[in-house]
């Protein structure tokens, strides 16, 4: 059903964005950006190359060189599944 002409949504009351602003999520995001920067400085990634930085062990805060690699977006963002569609 359409809303009235003068309806204004109050975004402050909705729960959108609270998850992304939690301290843990913000720290993980900073670590991911730092990992990208490290690979760019090492020459393994270029800006706008369409690839993601993959953390091999799944921990975004572990930015050791052995844990980082540059992979395609589809490969990095897909979750490996088993026969029953559960996480592998």
PDB file of N, CA and C in Angstrom:
ATOM      1  N   UNK A   1       0.846  -1.172   0.000  1.00  0.00           N
ATOM      2  CA  UNK A   1       0.000   0.000   0.000  1.00  0.00           C
ATOM      3  C   UNK A   1       0.893   1.237   0.000  1.00  0.00           C
ATOM      4  N   UNK A   2       0.615   2.200  -0.897  1.00  0.00           N
ATOM      5  CA  UNK A   2       1.442   3.408  -0.973  1.00  0.00           C
ATOM      6  C   UNK A   2       1.264   4.287   0.264  1.00  0.00           C
ATOM      7  N   UNK A   3       2.320   5.020   0.567  1.00  0.00           N
ATOM      8  CA  UNK A   3       2.253   5.933   1.710  1.00  0.00           C
ATOM      9  C   UNK A   3       1.702   7.288   1.272  1.00  0.00           C
ATOM     10  N   UNK A   4       1.374   8.126   2.223  1.00  0.00           N
ATOM     11  CA  UNK A   4       0.798   9.436   1.912  1.00  0.00           C
ATOM     12  C   UNK A   4       1.870  10.375   1.357  1.00  0.00           C
ATOM     13  N   UNK A   5       1.448  11.507   0.809  1.00  0.00           N
ATOM     14  CA  UNK A   5       2.368  12.464   0.188  1.00  0.00           C
ATOM     15  C   UNK A   5       3.397  13.016   1.172  1.00  0.00           C
ATOM     16  N   UNK A   6       2.959  13.306   2.369  1.00  0.00           N
ATOM     17  CA  UNK A   6       3.853  13.973   3.313  1.00  0.00           C
ATOM     18  C   UNK A   6       4.483  13.001   4.322  1.00  0.00           C
ATOM     19  N   UNK A   7       4.518  11.719   3.985  1.00  0.00           N
ATOM     20  CA  UNK A   7       5.139  10.732   4.863  1.00  0.00           C
ATOM     21  C   UNK A   7       6.651  10.844   4.747  1.00  0.00           C
ATOM     22  N   UNK A   8       7.335  10.914   5.885  1.00  0.00           N
ATOM     23  CA  UNK A   8       8.791  10.957   5.907  1.00  0.00           C
ATOM     24  C   UNK A   8       9.263   9.826   6.803  1.00  0.00           C
ATOM     25  N   UNK A   9      10.082   8.964   6.259  1.00  0.00           N
ATOM     26  CA  UNK A   9      10.568   7.824   7.035  1.00  0.00           C
ATOM     27  C   UNK A   9      11.600   8.281   8.057  1.00  0.00           C
ATOM     28  N   UNK A  10      11.477   7.759   9.270  1.00  0.00           N
ATOM     29  CA  UNK A  10      12.420   8.087  10.341  1.00  0.00           C
ATOM     30  C   UNK A  10      13.489   7.005  10.374  1.00  0.00           C
ATOM     31  N   UNK A  11      14.617   7.266   9.735  1.00  0.00           N
ATOM     32  CA  UNK A  11      15.681   6.275   9.638  1.00  0.00           C
ATOM     33  C   UNK A  11      16.385   6.039  10.968  1.00  0.00           C
ATOM     34  N   UNK A  12      16.306   6.961  11.881  1.00  0.00           N
ATOM     35  CA  UNK A  12      16.997   6.782  13.160  1.00  0.00           C
ATOM     36  C   UNK A  12      16.354   5.678  13.994  1.00  0.00           C
ATOM     37  N   UNK A  13      15.092   5.393  13.760  1.00  0.00           N
ATOM     38  CA  UNK A  13      14.388   4.392  14.541  1.00  0.00           C
ATOM     39  C   UNK A  13      14.566   2.978  13.982  1.00  0.00           C
ATOM     40  N   UNK A  14      14.955   2.877  12.720  1.00  0.00           N
ATOM     41  CA  UNK A  14      15.108   1.546  12.139  1.00  0.00           C
ATOM     42  C   UNK A  14      16.443   0.947  12.574  1.00  0.00           C
ATOM     43  N   UNK A  15      16.533  -0.352  12.579  1.00  0.00           N
ATOM     44  CA  UNK A  15      17.727  -1.034  13.059  1.00  0.00           C
ATOM     45  C   UNK A  15      18.807  -1.196  12.008  1.00  0.00           C
ATOM     46  N   UNK A  16      18.642  -0.558  10.859  1.00  0.00           N
ATOM     47  CA  UNK A  16      19.614  -0.688   9.780  1.00  0.00           C
ATOM     48  C   UNK A  16      20.912   0.003  10.153  1.00  0.00           C
ATOM     49  N   UNK A  17      22.015  -0.659   9.914  1.00  0.00           N
ATOM     50  CA  UNK A  17      23.314  -0.041  10.126  1.00  0.00           C
ATOM     51  C   UNK A  17      23.909  -0.264  11.496  1.00  0.00           C
ATOM     52  N   UNK A  18      23.136  -0.725  12.460  1.00  0.00           N
ATOM     53  CA  UNK A  18      23.687  -0.934  13.798  1.00  0.00           C
ATOM     54  C   UNK A  18      24.719  -2.053  13.786  1.00  0.00           C
ATOM     55  N   UNK A  19      24.465  -3.091  12.999  1.00  0.00           N
ATOM     56  CA  UNK A  19      25.383  -4.227  12.927  1.00  0.00           C
ATOM     57  C   UNK A  19      26.733  -3.805  12.374  1.00  0.00           C
ATOM     58  N   UNK A  20      26.716  -3.011  11.304  1.00  0.00           N
ATOM     59  CA  UNK A  20      27.963  -2.594  10.673  1.00  0.00           C
ATOM     60  C   UNK A  20      28.745  -1.595  11.503  1.00  0.00           C
ATOM     61  N   UNK A  21      28.114  -0.966  12.478  1.00  0.00           N
ATOM     62  CA  UNK A  21      28.799   0.030  13.292  1.00  0.00           C
ATOM     63  C   UNK A  21      29.286  -0.532  14.621  1.00  0.00           C
ATOM     64  N   UNK A  22      29.165  -1.840  14.803  1.00  0.00           N
ATOM     65  CA  UNK A  22      29.671  -2.432  16.043  1.00  0.00           C
ATOM     66  C   UNK A  22      31.194  -2.394  16.002  1.00  0.00           C
ATOM     67  N   UNK A  23      31.850  -2.264  17.146  1.00  0.00           N
ATOM     68  CA  UNK A  23      33.317  -2.155  17.178  1.00  0.00           C
ATOM     69  C   UNK A  23      34.030  -3.330  16.505  1.00  0.00           C
ATOM     70  N   UNK A  24      33.502  -4.541  16.652  1.00  0.00           N
ATOM     71  CA  UNK A  24      34.143  -5.711  16.045  1.00  0.00           C
ATOM     72  C   UNK A  24      34.085  -5.624  14.526  1.00  0.00           C
ATOM     73  N   UNK A  25      32.924  -5.278  13.971  1.00  0.00           N
ATOM     74  CA  UNK A  25      32.786  -5.173  12.519  1.00  0.00           C
ATOM     75  C   UNK A  25      33.671  -4.059  11.958  1.00  0.00           C
ATOM     76  N   UNK A  26      33.768  -2.948  12.683  1.00  0.00           N
ATOM     77  CA  UNK A  26      34.593  -1.837  12.220  1.00  0.00           C
ATOM     78  C   UNK A  26      36.071  -2.227  12.221  1.00  0.00           C
ATOM     79  N   UNK A  27      36.511  -2.957  13.246  1.00  0.00           N
ATOM     80  CA  UNK A  27      37.904  -3.398  13.323  1.00  0.00           C
ATOM     81  C   UNK A  27      38.211  -4.394  12.199  1.00  0.00           C
ATOM     82  N   UNK A  28      37.275  -5.307  11.923  1.00  0.00           N
ATOM     83  CA  UNK A  28      37.464  -6.260  10.837  1.00  0.00           C
ATOM     84  C   UNK A  28      37.562  -5.539   9.495  1.00  0.00           C
ATOM     85  N   UNK A  29      36.737  -4.523   9.298  1.00  0.00           N
ATOM     86  CA  UNK A  29      36.745  -3.763   8.047  1.00  0.00           C
ATOM     87  C   UNK A  29      38.069  -3.022   7.869  1.00  0.00           C
ATOM     88  N   UNK A  30      38.569  -2.422   8.949  1.00  0.00           N
ATOM     89  CA  UNK A  30      39.878  -1.746   8.876  1.00  0.00           C
ATOM     90  C   UNK A  30      40.969  -2.733   8.507  1.00  0.00           C
ATOM     91  N   UNK A  31      40.918  -3.929   9.081  1.00  0.00           N
ATOM     92  CA  UNK A  31      41.930  -4.945   8.798  1.00  0.00           C
ATOM     93  C   UNK A  31      41.858  -5.397   7.342  1.00  0.00           C
ATOM     94  N   UNK A  32      40.647  -5.522   6.790  1.00  0.00           N
ATOM     95  CA  UNK A  32      40.502  -5.912   5.379  1.00  0.00           C
ATOM     96  C   UNK A  32      41.085  -4.844   4.464  1.00  0.00           C
ATOM     97  N   UNK A  33      40.828  -3.584   4.785  1.00  0.00           N
ATOM     98  CA  UNK A  33      41.377  -2.493   3.973  1.00  0.00           C
ATOM     99  C   UNK A  33      42.898  -2.467   4.049  1.00  0.00           C
ATOM    100  N   UNK A  34      43.432  -2.744   5.218  1.00  0.00           N
ATOM    101  CA  UNK A  34      44.884  -2.778   5.392  1.00  0.00           C
ATOM    102  C   UNK A  34      45.487  -3.927   4.583  1.00  0.00           C
ATOM    103  N   UNK A  35      44.804  -5.069   4.550  1.00  0.00           N
ATOM    104  CA  UNK A  35      45.284  -6.210   3.776  1.00  0.00           C
ATOM    105  C   UNK A  35      45.355  -5.865   2.296  1.00  0.00           C
ATOM    106  N   UNK A  36      44.337  -5.176   1.803  1.00  0.00           N
ATOM    107  CA  UNK A  36      44.335  -4.762   0.397  1.00  0.00           C
ATOM    108  C   UNK A  36      45.514  -3.838   0.123  1.00  0.00           C
ATOM    109  N   UNK A  37      45.750  -2.924   1.037  1.00  0.00           N
ATOM    110  CA  UNK A  37      46.857  -1.989   0.904  1.00  0.00           C
ATOM    111  C   UNK A  37      48.201  -2.720   0.882  1.00  0.00           C
ATOM    112  N   UNK A  38      48.350  -3.728   1.732  1.00  0.00           N
ATOM    113  CA  UNK A  38      49.594  -4.498   1.776  1.00  0.00           C
ATOM    114  C   UNK A  38      49.852  -5.218   0.454  1.00  0.00           C
ATOM    115  N   UNK A  39      48.808  -5.816  -0.121  1.00  0.00           N
ATOM    116  CA  UNK A  39      48.985  -6.504  -1.402  1.00  0.00           C
ATOM    117  C   UNK A  39      49.274  -5.534  -2.544  1.00  0.00           C
ATOM    118  N   UNK A  40      48.676  -4.351  -2.485  1.00  0.00           N
ATOM    119  CA  UNK A  40      48.956  -3.354  -3.518  1.00  0.00           C
ATOM    120  C   UNK A  40      50.401  -2.886  -3.445  1.00  0.00           C
ATOM    121  N   UNK A  41      50.907  -2.678  -2.227  1.00  0.00           N
ATOM    122  CA  UNK A  41      52.307  -2.267  -2.063  1.00  0.00           C
ATOM    123  C   UNK A  41      53.270  -3.365  -2.507  1.00  0.00           C
ATOM    124  N   UNK A  42      52.871  -4.619  -2.311  1.00  0.00           N
ATOM    125  CA  UNK A  42      53.723  -5.745  -2.700  1.00  0.00           C
ATOM    126  C   UNK A  42      53.640  -6.025  -4.205  1.00  0.00           C
ATOM    127  N   UNK A  43      52.723  -5.367  -4.905  1.00  0.00           N
ATOM    128  CA  UNK A  43      52.585  -5.551  -6.343  1.00  0.00           C
ATOM    129  C   UNK A  43      51.733  -6.744  -6.729  1.00  0.00           C
ATOM    130  N   UNK A  44      51.043  -7.352  -5.780  1.00  0.00           N
ATOM    131  CA  UNK A  44      50.220  -8.522  -6.065  1.00  0.00           C
ATOM    132  C   UNK A  44      48.785  -8.142  -6.432  1.00  0.00           C
ATOM    133  N   UNK A  45      48.419  -6.894  -6.228  1.00  0.00           N
ATOM    134  CA  UNK A  45      47.081  -6.418  -6.569  1.00  0.00           C
ATOM    135  C   UNK A  45      47.199  -4.993  -7.094  1.00  0.00           C
ATOM    136  N   UNK A  46      46.257  -4.631  -7.944  1.00  0.00           N
ATOM    137  CA  UNK A  46      46.219  -3.274  -8.472  1.00  0.00           C
ATOM    138  C   UNK A  46      44.847  -2.685  -8.216  1.00  0.00           C
ATOM    139  N   UNK A  47      44.794  -1.398  -8.103  1.00  0.00           N
ATOM    140  CA  UNK A  47      43.520  -0.726  -7.885  1.00  0.00           C
ATOM    141  C   UNK A  47      42.627  -0.924  -9.104  1.00  0.00           C
ATOM    142  N   UNK A  48      41.391  -1.366  -8.866  1.00  0.00           N
ATOM    143  CA  UNK A  48      40.443  -1.555  -9.950  1.00  0.00           C
ATOM    144  C   UNK A  48      40.660  -2.821 -10.754  1.00  0.00           C
ATOM    145  N   UNK A  49      41.384  -3.797 -10.220  1.00  0.00           N
ATOM    146  CA  UNK A  49      41.652  -5.024 -10.969  1.00  0.00           C
ATOM    147  C   UNK A  49      40.503  -6.030 -10.893  1.00  0.00           C
ATOM    148  N   UNK A  50      39.477  -5.743 -10.093  1.00  0.00           N
ATOM    149  CA  UNK A  50      38.324  -6.624 -10.010  1.00  0.00           C
ATOM    150  C   UNK A  50      38.548  -7.863  -9.172  1.00  0.00           C
ATOM    151  N   UNK A  51      39.570  -7.845  -8.348  1.00  0.00           N
ATOM    152  CA  UNK A  51      39.862  -8.998  -7.506  1.00  0.00           C
ATOM    153  C   UNK A  51      39.703  -8.635  -6.039  1.00  0.00           C
ATOM    154  N   UNK A  52      39.543  -9.663  -5.218  1.00  0.00           N
ATOM    155  CA  UNK A  52      39.431  -9.491  -3.773  1.00  0.00           C
ATOM    156  C   UNK A  52      40.671 -10.037  -3.101  1.00  0.00           C
ATOM    157  N   UNK A  53      40.904  -9.588  -1.888  1.00  0.00           N
ATOM    158  CA  UNK A  53      41.969 -10.142  -1.066  1.00  0.00           C
ATOM    159  C   UNK A  53      41.366 -11.265  -0.239  1.00  0.00           C
ATOM    160  N   UNK A  54      41.943 -12.444  -0.373  1.00  0.00           N
ATOM    161  CA  UNK A  54      41.446 -13.617   0.341  1.00  0.00           C
ATOM    162  C   UNK A  54      42.332 -13.886   1.545  1.00  0.00           C
ATOM    163  N   UNK A  55      41.709 -14.030   2.710  1.00  0.00           N
ATOM    164  CA  UNK A  55      42.418 -14.462   3.910  1.00  0.00           C
ATOM    165  C   UNK A  55      42.260 -15.978   3.957  1.00  0.00           C
ATOM    166  N   UNK A  56      43.331 -16.705   3.757  1.00  0.00           N
ATOM    167  CA  UNK A  56      43.259 -18.160   3.628  1.00  0.00           C
ATOM    168  C   UNK A  56      42.630 -18.829   4.842  1.00  0.00           C
ATOM    169  N   UNK A  57      42.940 -18.340   6.040  1.00  0.00           N
ATOM    170  CA  UNK A  57      42.393 -18.985   7.240  1.00  0.00           C
ATOM    171  C   UNK A  57      41.051 -18.399   7.661  1.00  0.00           C
ATOM    172  N   UNK A  58      40.533 -17.414   6.940  1.00  0.00           N
ATOM    173  CA  UNK A  58      39.218 -16.858   7.225  1.00  0.00           C
ATOM    174  C   UNK A  58      39.207 -15.767   8.283  1.00  0.00           C
ATOM    175  N   UNK A  59      40.337 -15.466   8.891  1.00  0.00           N
ATOM    176  CA  UNK A  59      40.415 -14.437   9.924  1.00  0.00           C
ATOM    177  C   UNK A  59      40.820 -13.117   9.277  1.00  0.00           C
ATOM    178  N   UNK A  60      39.915 -12.120   9.210  1.00  0.00           N
ATOM    179  CA  UNK A  60      40.250 -10.866   8.537  1.00  0.00           C
ATOM    180  C   UNK A  60      41.324 -10.050   9.248  1.00  0.00           C
ATOM    181  N   UNK A  61      41.589 -10.349  10.504  1.00  0.00           N
ATOM    182  CA  UNK A  61      42.605  -9.578  11.228  1.00  0.00           C
ATOM    183  C   UNK A  61      44.002 -10.175  11.109  1.00  0.00           C
ATOM    184  N   UNK A  62      44.119 -11.356  10.511  1.00  0.00           N
ATOM    185  CA  UNK A  62      45.419 -11.993  10.319  1.00  0.00           C
ATOM    186  C   UNK A  62      45.975 -11.564   8.966  1.00  0.00           C
ATOM    187  N   UNK A  63      46.793 -10.521   8.965  1.00  0.00           N
ATOM    188  CA  UNK A  63      47.321  -9.970   7.719  1.00  0.00           C
ATOM    189  C   UNK A  63      48.758 -10.389   7.465  1.00  0.00           C
ATOM    190  N   UNK A  64      49.140 -11.573   7.910  1.00  0.00           N
ATOM    191  CA  UNK A  64      50.488 -12.054   7.619  1.00  0.00           C
ATOM    192  C   UNK A  64      50.574 -12.352   6.123  1.00  0.00           C
ATOM    193  N   UNK A  65      51.727 -12.118   5.522  1.00  0.00           N
ATOM    194  CA  UNK A  65      51.860 -12.311   4.065  1.00  0.00           C
ATOM    195  C   UNK A  65      51.492 -13.717   3.591  1.00  0.00           C
ATOM    196  N   UNK A  66      51.737 -14.729   4.403  1.00  0.00           N
ATOM    197  CA  UNK A  66      51.415 -16.099   4.005  1.00  0.00           C
ATOM    198  C   UNK A  66      49.907 -16.359   4.001  1.00  0.00           C
ATOM    199  N   UNK A  67      49.156 -15.515   4.680  1.00  0.00           N
ATOM    200  CA  UNK A  67      47.712 -15.710   4.785  1.00  0.00           C
ATOM    201  C   UNK A  67      46.935 -14.952   3.711  1.00  0.00           C
ATOM    202  N   UNK A  68      47.582 -14.104   2.946  1.00  0.00           N
ATOM    203  CA  UNK A  68      46.886 -13.260   1.969  1.00  0.00           C
ATOM    204  C   UNK A  68      47.165 -13.703   0.545  1.00  0.00           C
ATOM    205  N   UNK A  69      46.136 -13.611  -0.294  1.00  0.00           N
ATOM    206  CA  UNK A  69      46.299 -13.850  -1.719  1.00  0.00           C
ATOM    207  C   UNK A  69      45.214 -13.081  -2.462  1.00  0.00           C
ATOM    208  N   UNK A  70      45.468 -12.795  -3.718  1.00  0.00           N
ATOM    209  CA  UNK A  70      44.516 -12.077  -4.547  1.00  0.00           C
ATOM    210  C   UNK A  70      43.748 -13.092  -5.392  1.00  0.00           C
ATOM    211  N   UNK A  71      42.417 -13.085  -5.286  1.00  0.00           N
ATOM    212  CA  UNK A  71      41.577 -14.023  -6.039  1.00  0.00           C
ATOM    213  C   UNK A  71      40.413 -13.259  -6.658  1.00  0.00           C
ATOM    214  N   UNK A  72      39.742 -13.895  -7.586  1.00  0.00           N
ATOM    215  CA  UNK A  72      38.578 -13.289  -8.226  1.00  0.00           C
ATOM    216  C   UNK A  72      37.439 -13.108  -7.231  1.00  0.00           C
ATOM    217  N   UNK A  73      36.569 -12.161  -7.512  1.00  0.00           N
ATOM    218  CA  UNK A  73      35.462 -11.859  -6.591  1.00  0.00           C
ATOM    219  C   UNK A  73      34.536 -13.051  -6.389  1.00  0.00           C
ATOM    220  N   UNK A  74      34.185 -13.731  -7.463  1.00  0.00           N
ATOM    221  CA  UNK A  74      33.249 -14.852  -7.356  1.00  0.00           C
ATOM    222  C   UNK A  74      33.831 -15.955  -6.482  1.00  0.00           C
ATOM    223  N   UNK A  75      35.115 -16.220  -6.623  1.00  0.00           N
ATOM    224  CA  UNK A  75      35.750 -17.277  -5.839  1.00  0.00           C
ATOM    225  C   UNK A  75      35.815 -16.904  -4.363  1.00  0.00           C
ATOM    226  N   UNK A  76      36.059 -15.642  -4.078  1.00  0.00           N
ATOM    227  CA  UNK A  76      36.223 -15.232  -2.690  1.00  0.00           C
ATOM    228  C   UNK A  76      34.891 -15.064  -1.969  1.00  0.00           C
ATOM    229  N   UNK A  77      33.864 -14.683  -2.674  1.00  0.00           N
ATOM    230  CA  UNK A  77      32.591 -14.380  -2.021  1.00  0.00           C
ATOM    231  C   UNK A  77      31.638 -15.562  -1.963  1.00  0.00           C
ATOM    232  N   UNK A  78      31.964 -16.647  -2.646  1.00  0.00           N
ATOM    233  CA  UNK A  78      31.111 -17.826  -2.570  1.00  0.00           C
ATOM    234  C   UNK A  78      31.540 -18.666  -1.375  1.00  0.00           C
ATOM    235  N   UNK A  79      30.579 -19.348  -0.785  1.00  0.00           N
ATOM    236  CA  UNK A  79      30.858 -20.206   0.358  1.00  0.00           C
ATOM    237  C   UNK A  79      30.801 -21.640  -0.130  1.00  0.00           C
ATOM    238  N   UNK A  80      31.855 -22.381   0.113  1.00  0.00           N
ATOM    239  CA  UNK A  80      31.879 -23.774  -0.319  1.00  0.00           C
ATOM    240  C   UNK A  80      30.828 -24.551   0.448  1.00  0.00           C
ATOM    241  N   UNK A  81      30.088 -25.414  -0.257  1.00  0.00           N
ATOM    242  CA  UNK A  81      28.983 -26.166   0.328  1.00  0.00           C
ATOM    243  C   UNK A  81      29.222 -27.661   0.186  1.00  0.00           C
ATOM    244  N   UNK A  82      28.607 -28.425   1.088  1.00  0.00           N
ATOM    245  CA  UNK A  82      28.648 -29.872   0.966  1.00  0.00           C
ATOM    246  C   UNK A  82      27.393 -30.362   0.241  1.00  0.00           C
ATOM    247  N   UNK A  83      27.191 -31.689   0.173  1.00  0.00           N
ATOM    248  CA  UNK A  83      26.051 -32.244  -0.552  1.00  0.00           C
ATOM    249  C   UNK A  83      24.705 -31.755  -0.033  1.00  0.00           C
ATOM    250  N   UNK A  84      24.627 -31.524   1.268  1.00  0.00           N
ATOM    251  CA  UNK A  84      23.358 -31.127   1.888  1.00  0.00           C
ATOM    252  C   UNK A  84      23.200 -29.607   1.981  1.00  0.00           C
ATOM    253  N   UNK A  85      23.982 -28.877   1.210  1.00  0.00           N
ATOM    254  CA  UNK A  85      23.934 -27.419   1.133  1.00  0.00           C
ATOM    255  C   UNK A  85      24.385 -26.745   2.418  1.00  0.00           C
ATOM    256  N   UNK A  86      25.090 -27.458   3.263  1.00  0.00           N
ATOM    257  CA  UNK A  86      25.674 -26.858   4.461  1.00  0.00           C
ATOM    258  C   UNK A  86      27.068 -26.347   4.143  1.00  0.00           C
ATOM    259  N   UNK A  87      27.636 -25.569   5.027  1.00  0.00           N
ATOM    260  CA  UNK A  87      28.991 -25.070   4.801  1.00  0.00           C
ATOM    261  C   UNK A  87      29.984 -26.219   4.889  1.00  0.00           C
ATOM    262  N   UNK A  88      30.911 -26.235   3.946  1.00  0.00           N
ATOM    263  CA  UNK A  88      31.920 -27.306   3.905  1.00  0.00           C
ATOM    264  C   UNK A  88      33.001 -27.070   4.936  1.00  0.00           C
TER     265      UNK A  88
END
